[in-house]
Every structure is written in structure tokens, then in C-alpha cells.
């Protein structure tokens, strides 16, 4: 029998993330330097989603160094 997992985000964090906000996403490039960009996002349950073109630097950085 599977145990019920507790939510990752508590009620206060969910409420905070439900309002329109701009976040900053930081990734590390192959050169070891940080790459920080503003992103728009939305929350679905405990998932935080944002869109991006697959060729953008932030996506390439995430694919190489999750």
C-alpha cells in the first residue's frame, strides 16, 4: 500500500505563488558562471510551470546540469 505523501508546498506558499509574480530562474552554464533570467510562471498543485524555447540558454543549462 502506498503512503499518502504530504504536500510539498504548504498553504501559505501555495497562496503566495497563486498571485501573478515574476520569478528569477538561476542556472549554471558550462563555463561555471550563473545565468539569471526573469520568468513568468504559474502553479498547478505543487508544480511550478514556465514556458521557454528549447534552445534558450536556461533550458540548455538545465538539461546539462539539472
PDB file of N, CA and C in Angstrom:
ATOM      1  N   UNK A   1       0.829  -1.174   0.000  1.00  0.00           N
ATOM      2  CA  UNK A   1       0.000   0.000   0.000  1.00  0.00           C
ATOM      3  C   UNK A   1       0.882   1.248   0.000  1.00  0.00           C
ATOM      4  N   UNK A   2       0.539   2.200  -0.866  1.00  0.00           N
ATOM      5  CA  UNK A   2       1.290   3.448  -0.972  1.00  0.00           C
ATOM      6  C   UNK A   2       0.922   4.399   0.152  1.00  0.00           C
ATOM      7  N   UNK A   3       1.930   5.024   0.717  1.00  0.00           N
ATOM      8  CA  UNK A   3       1.670   6.037   1.728  1.00  0.00           C
ATOM      9  C   UNK A   3       1.290   7.337   1.048  1.00  0.00           C
ATOM     10  N   UNK A   4       0.381   8.042   1.666  1.00  0.00           N
ATOM     11  CA  UNK A   4      -0.007   9.352   1.141  1.00  0.00           C
ATOM     12  C   UNK A   4       1.113  10.340   1.433  1.00  0.00           C
ATOM     13  N   UNK A   5       1.596  11.001   0.382  1.00  0.00           N
ATOM     14  CA  UNK A   5       2.659  11.987   0.558  1.00  0.00           C
ATOM     15  C   UNK A   5       2.066  13.303   1.029  1.00  0.00           C
ATOM     16  N   UNK A   6       2.772  13.966   1.919  1.00  0.00           N
ATOM     17  CA  UNK A   6       2.320  15.291   2.336  1.00  0.00           C
ATOM     18  C   UNK A   6       2.675  16.278   1.224  1.00  0.00           C
ATOM     19  N   UNK A   7       1.894  17.350   1.090  1.00  0.00           N
ATOM     20  CA  UNK A   7       2.168  18.327   0.034  1.00  0.00           C
ATOM     21  C   UNK A   7       3.544  18.959   0.219  1.00  0.00           C
ATOM     22  N   UNK A   8       4.181  19.228  -0.895  1.00  0.00           N
ATOM     23  CA  UNK A   8       5.496  19.875  -0.867  1.00  0.00           C
ATOM     24  C   UNK A   8       5.346  21.336  -0.474  1.00  0.00           C
ATOM     25  N   UNK A   9       4.327  21.990  -0.998  1.00  0.00           N
ATOM     26  CA  UNK A   9       4.092  23.398  -0.702  1.00  0.00           C
ATOM     27  C   UNK A   9       2.997  23.522   0.351  1.00  0.00           C
ATOM     28  N   UNK A  10       3.259  24.278   1.401  1.00  0.00           N
ATOM     29  CA  UNK A  10       2.210  24.466   2.399  1.00  0.00           C
ATOM     30  C   UNK A  10       1.199  25.506   1.917  1.00  0.00           C
ATOM     31  N   UNK A  11       0.133  25.687   2.668  1.00  0.00           N
ATOM     32  CA  UNK A  11      -0.974  26.558   2.265  1.00  0.00           C
ATOM     33  C   UNK A  11      -0.502  27.994   2.010  1.00  0.00           C
ATOM     34  N   UNK A  12       0.361  28.516   2.880  1.00  0.00           N
ATOM     35  CA  UNK A  12       0.825  29.899   2.723  1.00  0.00           C
ATOM     36  C   UNK A  12       1.665  30.072   1.458  1.00  0.00           C
ATOM     37  N   UNK A  13       2.506  29.098   1.156  1.00  0.00           N
ATOM     38  CA  UNK A  13       3.336  29.176  -0.052  1.00  0.00           C
ATOM     39  C   UNK A  13       2.455  29.057  -1.291  1.00  0.00           C
ATOM     40  N   UNK A  14       1.502  28.127  -1.279  1.00  0.00           N
ATOM     41  CA  UNK A  14       0.567  27.998  -2.411  1.00  0.00           C
ATOM     42  C   UNK A  14      -0.166  29.308  -2.665  1.00  0.00           C
ATOM     43  N   UNK A  15      -0.643  29.932  -1.596  1.00  0.00           N
ATOM     44  CA  UNK A  15      -1.366  31.204  -1.721  1.00  0.00           C
ATOM     45  C   UNK A  15      -0.438  32.280  -2.305  1.00  0.00           C
ATOM     46  N   UNK A  16       0.775  32.366  -1.808  1.00  0.00           N
ATOM     47  CA  UNK A  16       1.752  33.337  -2.307  1.00  0.00           C
ATOM     48  C   UNK A  16       2.023  33.135  -3.793  1.00  0.00           C
ATOM     49  N   UNK A  17       2.192  31.879  -4.217  1.00  0.00           N
ATOM     50  CA  UNK A  17       2.534  31.581  -5.613  1.00  0.00           C
ATOM     51  C   UNK A  17       1.327  31.635  -6.548  1.00  0.00           C
ATOM     52  N   UNK A  18       0.132  31.749  -6.013  1.00  0.00           N
ATOM     53  CA  UNK A  18      -1.071  31.797  -6.854  1.00  0.00           C
ATOM     54  C   UNK A  18      -1.309  33.175  -7.453  1.00  0.00           C
ATOM     55  N   UNK A  19      -0.678  34.195  -6.902  1.00  0.00           N
ATOM     56  CA  UNK A  19      -0.821  35.544  -7.447  1.00  0.00           C
ATOM     57  C   UNK A  19       0.185  35.763  -8.558  1.00  0.00           C
ATOM     58  N   UNK A  20      -0.140  36.613  -9.536  1.00  0.00           N
ATOM     59  CA  UNK A  20       0.822  36.884 -10.622  1.00  0.00           C
ATOM     60  C   UNK A  20       2.117  37.475 -10.067  1.00  0.00           C
ATOM     61  N   UNK A  21       3.213  36.873 -10.428  1.00  0.00           N
ATOM     62  CA  UNK A  21       4.522  37.319  -9.964  1.00  0.00           C
ATOM     63  C   UNK A  21       5.552  37.042 -11.051  1.00  0.00           C
ATOM     64  N   UNK A  22       6.667  37.730 -10.935  1.00  0.00           N
ATOM     65  CA  UNK A  22       7.815  37.446 -11.788  1.00  0.00           C
ATOM     66  C   UNK A  22       8.855  36.798 -10.887  1.00  0.00           C
ATOM     67  N   UNK A  23       9.403  35.692 -11.333  1.00  0.00           N
ATOM     68  CA  UNK A  23      10.446  34.997 -10.575  1.00  0.00           C
ATOM     69  C   UNK A  23      11.773  35.170 -11.306  1.00  0.00           C
ATOM     70  N   UNK A  24      12.829  34.845 -10.638  1.00  0.00           N
ATOM     71  CA  UNK A  24      14.150  34.807 -11.280  1.00  0.00           C
ATOM     72  C   UNK A  24      14.636  33.379 -11.241  1.00  0.00           C
ATOM     73  N   UNK A  25      14.996  32.859 -12.396  1.00  0.00           N
ATOM     74  CA  UNK A  25      15.498  31.496 -12.512  1.00  0.00           C
ATOM     75  C   UNK A  25      17.006  31.568 -12.687  1.00  0.00           C
ATOM     76  N   UNK A  26      17.724  30.881 -11.824  1.00  0.00           N
ATOM     77  CA  UNK A  26      19.187  30.865 -11.909  1.00  0.00           C
ATOM     78  C   UNK A  26      19.643  29.476 -12.314  1.00  0.00           C
ATOM     79  N   UNK A  27      20.465  29.414 -13.331  1.00  0.00           N
ATOM     80  CA  UNK A  27      21.088  28.163 -13.773  1.00  0.00           C
ATOM     81  C   UNK A  27      22.591  28.404 -13.854  1.00  0.00           C
ATOM     82  N   UNK A  28      23.331  27.329 -14.029  1.00  0.00           N
ATOM     83  CA  UNK A  28      24.783  27.434 -14.151  1.00  0.00           C
ATOM     84  C   UNK A  28      25.174  26.980 -15.548  1.00  0.00           C
ATOM     85  N   UNK A  29      25.933  27.818 -16.238  1.00  0.00           N
ATOM     86  CA  UNK A  29      26.374  27.494 -17.586  1.00  0.00           C
ATOM     87  C   UNK A  29      27.573  26.569 -17.593  1.00  0.00           C
ATOM     88  N   UNK A  30      27.937  26.111 -18.768  1.00  0.00           N
ATOM     89  CA  UNK A  30      29.083  25.202 -18.912  1.00  0.00           C
ATOM     90  C   UNK A  30      30.389  25.870 -18.492  1.00  0.00           C
ATOM     91  N   UNK A  31      30.395  27.214 -18.487  1.00  0.00           N
ATOM     92  CA  UNK A  31      31.580  27.947 -18.054  1.00  0.00           C
ATOM     93  C   UNK A  31      31.641  28.101 -16.531  1.00  0.00           C
ATOM     94  N   UNK A  32      30.604  27.611 -15.825  1.00  0.00           N
ATOM     95  CA  UNK A  32      30.576  27.684 -14.371  1.00  0.00           C
ATOM     96  C   UNK A  32      29.971  28.954 -13.814  1.00  0.00           C
ATOM     97  N   UNK A  33      29.590  29.879 -14.691  1.00  0.00           N
ATOM     98  CA  UNK A  33      29.022  31.140 -14.244  1.00  0.00           C
ATOM     99  C   UNK A  33      27.497  31.052 -14.182  1.00  0.00           C
ATOM    100  N   UNK A  34      26.878  31.778 -13.237  1.00  0.00           N
ATOM    101  CA  UNK A  34      25.417  31.762 -13.147  1.00  0.00           C
ATOM    102  C   UNK A  34      24.778  32.532 -14.292  1.00  0.00           C
ATOM    103  N   UNK A  35      23.600  32.085 -14.645  1.00  0.00           N
ATOM    104  CA  UNK A  35      22.783  32.748 -15.656  1.00  0.00           C
ATOM    105  C   UNK A  35      21.424  32.957 -14.992  1.00  0.00           C
ATOM    106  N   UNK A  36      21.047  34.212 -14.741  1.00  0.00           N
ATOM    107  CA  UNK A  36      19.808  34.536 -14.036  1.00  0.00           C
ATOM    108  C   UNK A  36      18.900  35.316 -14.975  1.00  0.00           C
ATOM    109  N   UNK A  37      17.657  34.826 -15.114  1.00  0.00           N
ATOM    110  CA  UNK A  37      16.697  35.467 -16.011  1.00  0.00           C
ATOM    111  C   UNK A  37      15.326  35.553 -15.331  1.00  0.00           C
ATOM    112  N   UNK A  38      14.565  36.631 -15.643  1.00  0.00           N
ATOM    113  CA  UNK A  38      13.200  36.705 -15.117  1.00  0.00           C
ATOM    114  C   UNK A  38      12.298  35.755 -15.899  1.00  0.00           C
ATOM    115  N   UNK A  39      11.351  35.146 -15.195  1.00  0.00           N
ATOM    116  CA  UNK A  39      10.381  34.262 -15.848  1.00  0.00           C
ATOM    117  C   UNK A  39       8.991  34.523 -15.282  1.00  0.00           C
ATOM    118  N   UNK A  40       7.995  34.348 -16.114  1.00  0.00           N
ATOM    119  CA  UNK A  40       6.611  34.299 -15.666  1.00  0.00           C
ATOM    120  C   UNK A  40       6.308  32.837 -15.427  1.00  0.00           C
ATOM    121  N   UNK A  41       5.507  32.547 -14.428  1.00  0.00           N
ATOM    122  CA  UNK A  41       5.202  31.151 -14.110  1.00  0.00           C
ATOM    123  C   UNK A  41       3.768  31.030 -13.639  1.00  0.00           C
ATOM    124  N   UNK A  42       3.334  29.781 -13.527  1.00  0.00           N
ATOM    125  CA  UNK A  42       2.052  29.505 -12.887  1.00  0.00           C
ATOM    126  C   UNK A  42       2.202  28.252 -12.043  1.00  0.00           C
ATOM    127  N   UNK A  43       1.363  28.142 -11.037  1.00  0.00           N
ATOM    128  CA  UNK A  43       1.403  26.997 -10.146  1.00  0.00           C
ATOM    129  C   UNK A  43       0.231  26.088 -10.457  1.00  0.00           C
ATOM    130  N   UNK A  44       0.500  24.804 -10.560  1.00  0.00           N
ATOM    131  CA  UNK A  44      -0.531  23.775 -10.687  1.00  0.00           C
ATOM    132  C   UNK A  44      -0.260  22.744  -9.613  1.00  0.00           C
ATOM    133  N   UNK A  45      -1.050  22.793  -8.541  1.00  0.00           N
ATOM    134  CA  UNK A  45      -0.786  21.914  -7.406  1.00  0.00           C
ATOM    135  C   UNK A  45       0.549  22.283  -6.795  1.00  0.00           C
ATOM    136  N   UNK A  46       1.445  21.313  -6.695  1.00  0.00           N
ATOM    137  CA  UNK A  46       2.788  21.570  -6.177  1.00  0.00           C
ATOM    138  C   UNK A  46       3.806  21.761  -7.294  1.00  0.00           C
ATOM    139  N   UNK A  47       3.344  21.832  -8.532  1.00  0.00           N
ATOM    140  CA  UNK A  47       4.241  22.051  -9.667  1.00  0.00           C
ATOM    141  C   UNK A  47       4.273  23.535 -10.025  1.00  0.00           C
ATOM    142  N   UNK A  48       5.444  24.021 -10.365  1.00  0.00           N
ATOM    143  CA  UNK A  48       5.608  25.391 -10.839  1.00  0.00           C
ATOM    144  C   UNK A  48       6.048  25.289 -12.298  1.00  0.00           C
ATOM    145  N   UNK A  49       5.228  25.837 -13.192  1.00  0.00           N
ATOM    146  CA  UNK A  49       5.442  25.687 -14.631  1.00  0.00           C
ATOM    147  C   UNK A  49       5.823  27.014 -15.266  1.00  0.00           C
ATOM    148  N   UNK A  50       6.730  26.934 -16.225  1.00  0.00           N
ATOM    149  CA  UNK A  50       7.045  28.106 -17.035  1.00  0.00           C
ATOM    150  C   UNK A  50       7.382  27.614 -18.436  1.00  0.00           C
ATOM    151  N   UNK A  51       7.109  28.448 -19.411  1.00  0.00           N
ATOM    152  CA  UNK A  51       7.376  28.087 -20.791  1.00  0.00           C
ATOM    153  C   UNK A  51       8.690  28.693 -21.271  1.00  0.00           C
ATOM    154  N   UNK A  52       9.294  28.016 -22.221  1.00  0.00           N
ATOM    155  CA  UNK A  52      10.530  28.518 -22.797  1.00  0.00           C
ATOM    156  C   UNK A  52      10.827  27.755 -24.082  1.00  0.00           C
ATOM    157  N   UNK A  53      11.532  28.395 -24.973  1.00  0.00           N
ATOM    158  CA  UNK A  53      12.001  27.727 -26.177  1.00  0.00           C
ATOM    159  C   UNK A  53      13.117  26.758 -25.792  1.00  0.00           C
ATOM    160  N   UNK A  54      13.138  25.594 -26.371  1.00  0.00           N
ATOM    161  CA  UNK A  54      14.120  24.562 -26.029  1.00  0.00           C
ATOM    162  C   UNK A  54      15.567  25.014 -26.282  1.00  0.00           C
ATOM    163  N   UNK A  55      15.752  25.975 -27.160  1.00  0.00           N
ATOM    164  CA  UNK A  55      17.105  26.434 -27.484  1.00  0.00           C
ATOM    165  C   UNK A  55      17.589  27.573 -26.594  1.00  0.00           C
ATOM    166  N   UNK A  56      16.737  28.057 -25.686  1.00  0.00           N
ATOM    167  CA  UNK A  56      17.175  29.126 -24.787  1.00  0.00           C
ATOM    168  C   UNK A  56      18.277  28.630 -23.861  1.00  0.00           C
ATOM    169  N   UNK A  57      19.132  29.547 -23.476  1.00  0.00           N
ATOM    170  CA  UNK A  57      20.281  29.189 -22.642  1.00  0.00           C
ATOM    171  C   UNK A  57      19.857  28.536 -21.325  1.00  0.00           C
ATOM    172  N   UNK A  58      18.792  29.062 -20.691  1.00  0.00           N
ATOM    173  CA  UNK A  58      18.357  28.495 -19.415  1.00  0.00           C
ATOM    174  C   UNK A  58      17.952  27.038 -19.563  1.00  0.00           C
ATOM    175  N   UNK A  59      17.316  26.699 -20.664  1.00  0.00           N
ATOM    176  CA  UNK A  59      16.898  25.308 -20.897  1.00  0.00           C
ATOM    177  C   UNK A  59      18.118  24.440 -21.167  1.00  0.00           C
ATOM    178  N   UNK A  60      19.023  24.918 -21.987  1.00  0.00           N
ATOM    179  CA  UNK A  60      20.241  24.154 -22.249  1.00  0.00           C
ATOM    180  C   UNK A  60      21.030  23.903 -20.964  1.00  0.00           C
ATOM    181  N   UNK A  61      21.113  24.937 -20.106  1.00  0.00           N
ATOM    182  CA  UNK A  61      21.809  24.777 -18.835  1.00  0.00           C
ATOM    183  C   UNK A  61      21.133  23.733 -17.949  1.00  0.00           C
ATOM    184  N   UNK A  62      19.809  23.769 -17.881  1.00  0.00           N
ATOM    185  CA  UNK A  62      19.061  22.807 -17.052  1.00  0.00           C
ATOM    186  C   UNK A  62      19.249  21.394 -17.579  1.00  0.00           C
ATOM    187  N   UNK A  63      19.239  21.223 -18.891  1.00  0.00           N
ATOM    188  CA  UNK A  63      19.408  19.875 -19.458  1.00  0.00           C
ATOM    189  C   UNK A  63      20.778  19.296 -19.152  1.00  0.00           C
ATOM    190  N   UNK A  64      21.800  20.151 -19.119  1.00  0.00           N
ATOM    191  CA  UNK A  64      23.168  19.691 -18.843  1.00  0.00           C
ATOM    192  C   UNK A  64      23.391  19.515 -17.342  1.00  0.00           C
ATOM    193  N   UNK A  65      22.811  20.399 -16.540  1.00  0.00           N
ATOM    194  CA  UNK A  65      23.036  20.391 -15.093  1.00  0.00           C
ATOM    195  C   UNK A  65      21.718  20.591 -14.338  1.00  0.00           C
ATOM    196  N   UNK A  66      20.937  19.506 -14.197  1.00  0.00           N
ATOM    197  CA  UNK A  66      19.613  19.654 -13.557  1.00  0.00           C
ATOM    198  C   UNK A  66      19.721  20.069 -12.099  1.00  0.00           C
TER     199      UNK A  66
END
